[in-house]
Amino acid sequence: MARPTQTPQRKRSDLLARVLATGFGCGYSPVAPGTVGALVGVVLFWASKGLERISGVRFLTLGLGWLVLSIGIWAASRAMSEWGTKDPPSVVIDEMAGQIIALLLTPQLNEALMRGLYTQAAVFSLLSFASFRLFDILKPYPIKRLEQLSAGLGIMADDVMAGVYAGVLLHLSLLLGSYLSSL
C-alpha cells in the first residue's frame, strides 16, 4: 500500500520540526546526543546572556528558555509521530530546554556573567551541566513519571524537572559554600 502523499506545506513543517527537535542536527551525534544537546543549551544560554549584557534588555534569557520549551513541545510531538517512537534519541531539544532552565535557576551564574566574571561563570556552568546530566540520567522521582505524559509534553517535562533539580541543587550548594566561607 502506498504512503499518503504530503502537501509541500506539510513537508516543510515536518522538516522544521525535525531540525528544531534535533537541536539543528546535534541530535544525530553518534556519541551521547543528549549530552551534545545539553551543551547546545549552555551555548544558547551564554549567547543570550551576552546579548542581554550588550543590549541592556533584561529577561532575554528567560524568554529564550520559554521559547525553547514551547517550541520543543510542538517539535518533539511532531518528531515522535513522524518517527513512531516514544522518545527518539535524536530529539535533544528537551535537553537544551532542561539545561537552560538549570542555568536560569542559578542566580550566582547570572550575576557572574552580567559582571563579566567569566572564569567563575564557566565553573558554575560546568557544575550546572554535570548536575543536569546526572539528574537527567538517574531520573529521581518524579522525573521518570513525567515521561509518561502525552507526546512532546512527556518528552520535555522530564528534562524540565531535571533542570529544576539541577538548578536548585547548584543554587543551594553555592549559597551554603558562600555561607561557610564567610564564617
Protein backbone atom coordinates (compact mmCIF):
# COMPACT_ATOMS: atom_id res chain seq x y z
CA MET A 1 0.00 0.00 0.00
CA ALA A 2 1.39 3.42 -0.92
CA ARG A 3 2.03 6.05 1.70
CA PRO A 4 -0.25 9.06 1.54
CA THR A 5 1.37 11.95 -0.27
CA GLN A 6 2.08 15.01 1.78
CA THR A 7 1.47 18.55 0.70
CA PRO A 8 4.55 20.77 0.34
CA GLN A 9 3.37 22.76 3.37
CA ARG A 10 3.21 19.61 5.49
CA LYS A 11 6.69 18.56 4.38
CA ARG A 12 8.15 21.96 5.27
CA SER A 13 6.64 21.92 8.75
CA ASP A 14 7.89 18.35 9.30
CA LEU A 15 11.37 19.41 8.25
CA LEU A 16 11.23 22.44 10.56
CA ALA A 17 10.06 20.25 13.46
CA ARG A 18 12.86 17.76 12.79
CA VAL A 19 15.53 20.49 12.61
CA LEU A 20 14.33 22.07 15.85
CA ALA A 21 13.74 18.79 17.70
CA THR A 22 17.25 17.58 16.88
CA GLY A 23 18.86 20.82 18.03
CA PHE A 24 19.80 21.82 14.48
CA GLY A 25 21.13 18.34 13.82
CA CYS A 26 23.08 17.88 17.07
CA GLY A 27 20.78 15.01 17.98
CA TYR A 28 22.30 12.97 15.17
CA SER A 29 25.62 12.86 17.04
CA PRO A 30 26.83 9.25 17.05
CA VAL A 31 28.05 9.66 20.63
CA ALA A 32 25.87 10.93 23.52
CA PRO A 33 23.34 13.04 21.59
CA GLY A 34 21.65 14.12 24.85
CA THR A 35 24.94 15.43 26.19
CA VAL A 36 25.55 17.30 22.94
CA GLY A 37 22.03 18.77 23.18
CA ALA A 38 22.70 19.94 26.75
CA LEU A 39 25.94 21.59 25.57
CA VAL A 40 23.94 23.44 22.91
CA GLY A 41 21.71 24.65 25.76
CA VAL A 42 24.78 26.04 27.56
CA VAL A 43 25.95 27.81 24.40
CA LEU A 44 22.49 29.32 23.78
CA PHE A 45 22.33 30.47 27.40
CA TRP A 46 25.74 32.16 27.24
CA ALA A 47 24.92 33.80 23.90
CA SER A 48 21.62 35.07 25.25
CA LYS A 49 23.30 36.46 28.38
CA GLY A 50 25.84 38.19 26.14
CA LEU A 51 23.02 39.81 24.19
CA GLU A 52 21.38 40.86 27.46
CA ARG A 53 24.60 42.47 28.61
CA ILE A 54 25.20 44.28 25.33
CA SER A 55 21.62 45.40 24.70
CA GLY A 56 20.55 46.05 28.27
CA VAL A 57 17.36 44.07 27.59
CA ARG A 58 16.65 42.15 30.77
CA PHE A 59 14.94 38.77 30.80
CA LEU A 60 16.03 37.91 27.25
CA THR A 61 17.38 34.59 28.51
CA LEU A 62 14.16 33.84 30.36
CA GLY A 63 12.33 34.42 27.07
CA LEU A 64 14.77 32.08 25.34
CA GLY A 65 14.02 29.35 27.89
CA TRP A 66 10.29 29.80 27.40
CA LEU A 67 10.67 29.78 23.61
CA VAL A 68 12.78 26.60 23.55
CA LEU A 69 10.32 24.90 25.90
CA SER A 70 7.25 25.94 23.90
CA ILE A 71 8.73 25.09 20.52
CA GLY A 72 10.15 21.90 21.99
CA ILE A 73 6.74 20.52 22.92
CA TRP A 74 5.50 21.05 19.37
CA ALA A 75 8.68 19.84 17.63
CA ALA A 76 9.09 16.78 19.87
CA SER A 77 5.44 15.82 19.30
CA ARG A 78 5.87 16.07 15.53
CA ALA A 79 9.15 14.14 15.58
CA MET A 80 7.65 11.45 17.78
CA SER A 81 4.70 10.92 15.44
CA GLU A 82 6.91 11.03 12.34
CA TRP A 83 9.45 8.53 13.67
CA GLY A 84 6.90 6.40 15.51
CA THR A 85 8.84 6.12 18.77
CA LYS A 86 8.01 7.43 22.24
CA ASP A 87 11.20 9.42 22.87
CA PRO A 88 13.54 9.30 19.87
CA PRO A 89 17.20 9.61 20.99
CA SER A 90 17.88 12.17 18.26
CA VAL A 91 15.35 14.56 19.83
CA VAL A 92 17.54 16.78 22.02
CA ILE A 93 15.53 19.98 22.30
CA ASP A 94 14.38 18.63 25.66
CA GLU A 95 17.96 18.52 26.92
CA MET A 96 18.52 22.03 25.56
CA ALA A 97 15.48 23.34 27.47
CA GLY A 98 16.34 21.48 30.67
CA GLN A 99 19.90 22.78 30.65
CA ILE A 100 18.76 26.36 30.05
CA ILE A 101 16.36 26.04 32.99
CA ALA A 102 19.13 24.69 35.23
CA LEU A 103 21.32 27.66 34.29
CA LEU A 104 18.49 30.17 34.77
CA LEU A 105 17.87 28.85 38.30
CA THR A 106 21.44 29.63 39.35
CA PRO A 107 21.42 33.35 40.15
CA GLN A 108 25.12 33.26 41.08
CA LEU A 109 25.90 32.28 37.48
CA ASN A 110 23.68 35.00 36.07
CA GLU A 111 25.35 37.58 38.31
CA ALA A 112 28.84 36.40 37.34
CA LEU A 113 28.00 36.68 33.64
CA MET A 114 26.46 40.12 33.97
CA ARG A 115 29.53 41.33 35.89
CA GLY A 116 31.95 39.84 33.36
CA LEU A 117 33.39 37.22 35.75
CA TYR A 118 33.75 34.63 33.00
CA THR A 119 36.03 32.16 34.79
CA GLN A 120 33.62 31.95 37.71
CA ALA A 121 30.67 31.71 35.31
CA ALA A 122 32.39 28.89 33.40
CA VAL A 123 32.86 26.91 36.63
CA PHE A 124 29.21 27.44 37.58
CA SER A 125 28.13 26.41 34.06
CA LEU A 126 30.22 23.25 34.24
CA LEU A 127 28.69 22.35 37.62
CA SER A 128 25.22 23.06 36.26
CA PHE A 129 25.89 20.91 33.20
CA ALA A 130 27.15 17.99 35.30
CA SER A 131 24.21 18.28 37.73
CA PHE A 132 21.67 18.44 34.92
CA ARG A 133 23.10 15.40 33.14
CA LEU A 134 23.18 13.47 36.43
CA PHE A 135 19.51 14.17 37.14
CA ASP A 136 18.58 13.55 33.50
CA ILE A 137 20.26 10.14 33.56
CA LEU A 138 19.25 8.99 37.08
CA LYS A 139 15.70 10.35 36.83
CA PRO A 140 14.77 10.56 40.54
CA TYR A 141 11.11 10.93 41.48
CA PRO A 142 9.03 12.36 39.81
CA ILE A 143 11.21 12.75 36.71
CA LYS A 144 10.68 9.21 35.45
CA ARG A 145 6.93 9.56 35.94
CA LEU A 146 6.80 12.76 33.87
CA GLU A 147 7.96 10.83 30.80
CA GLN A 148 4.50 9.23 30.76
CA LEU A 149 2.77 12.48 29.86
CA SER A 150 1.48 12.59 26.32
CA ALA A 151 3.63 13.19 23.25
CA GLY A 152 6.02 16.16 23.27
CA LEU A 153 4.91 17.23 26.73
CA GLY A 154 6.25 13.96 28.18
CA ILE A 155 9.47 14.27 26.20
CA MET A 156 10.05 17.79 27.51
CA ALA A 157 8.68 17.53 31.08
CA ASP A 158 11.24 15.07 32.46
CA ASP A 159 14.13 17.24 31.29
CA VAL A 160 12.48 20.38 32.60
CA MET A 161 12.23 18.75 36.05
CA ALA A 162 15.85 17.54 35.81
CA GLY A 163 16.79 21.16 35.05
CA VAL A 164 14.81 22.41 38.05
CA TYR A 165 16.51 19.87 40.32
CA ALA A 166 19.96 20.75 38.97
CA GLY A 167 19.40 24.50 39.23
CA VAL A 168 18.03 24.35 42.77
CA LEU A 169 20.79 21.97 43.91
CA LEU A 170 23.54 24.17 42.48
CA HIS A 171 22.00 27.38 43.84
CA LEU A 172 21.68 25.93 47.34
CA SER A 173 25.18 24.44 47.19
CA LEU A 174 26.66 27.79 46.20
CA LEU A 175 24.70 29.56 48.95
CA LEU A 176 25.96 27.04 51.50
CA GLY A 177 29.53 27.40 50.22
CA SER A 178 29.29 31.18 50.43
CA TYR A 179 27.90 31.00 53.95
CA LEU A 180 30.57 28.56 55.13
CA SER A 181 33.37 30.64 53.65
CA SER A 182 32.11 33.72 55.48
CA LEU A 183 32.39 32.02 58.89
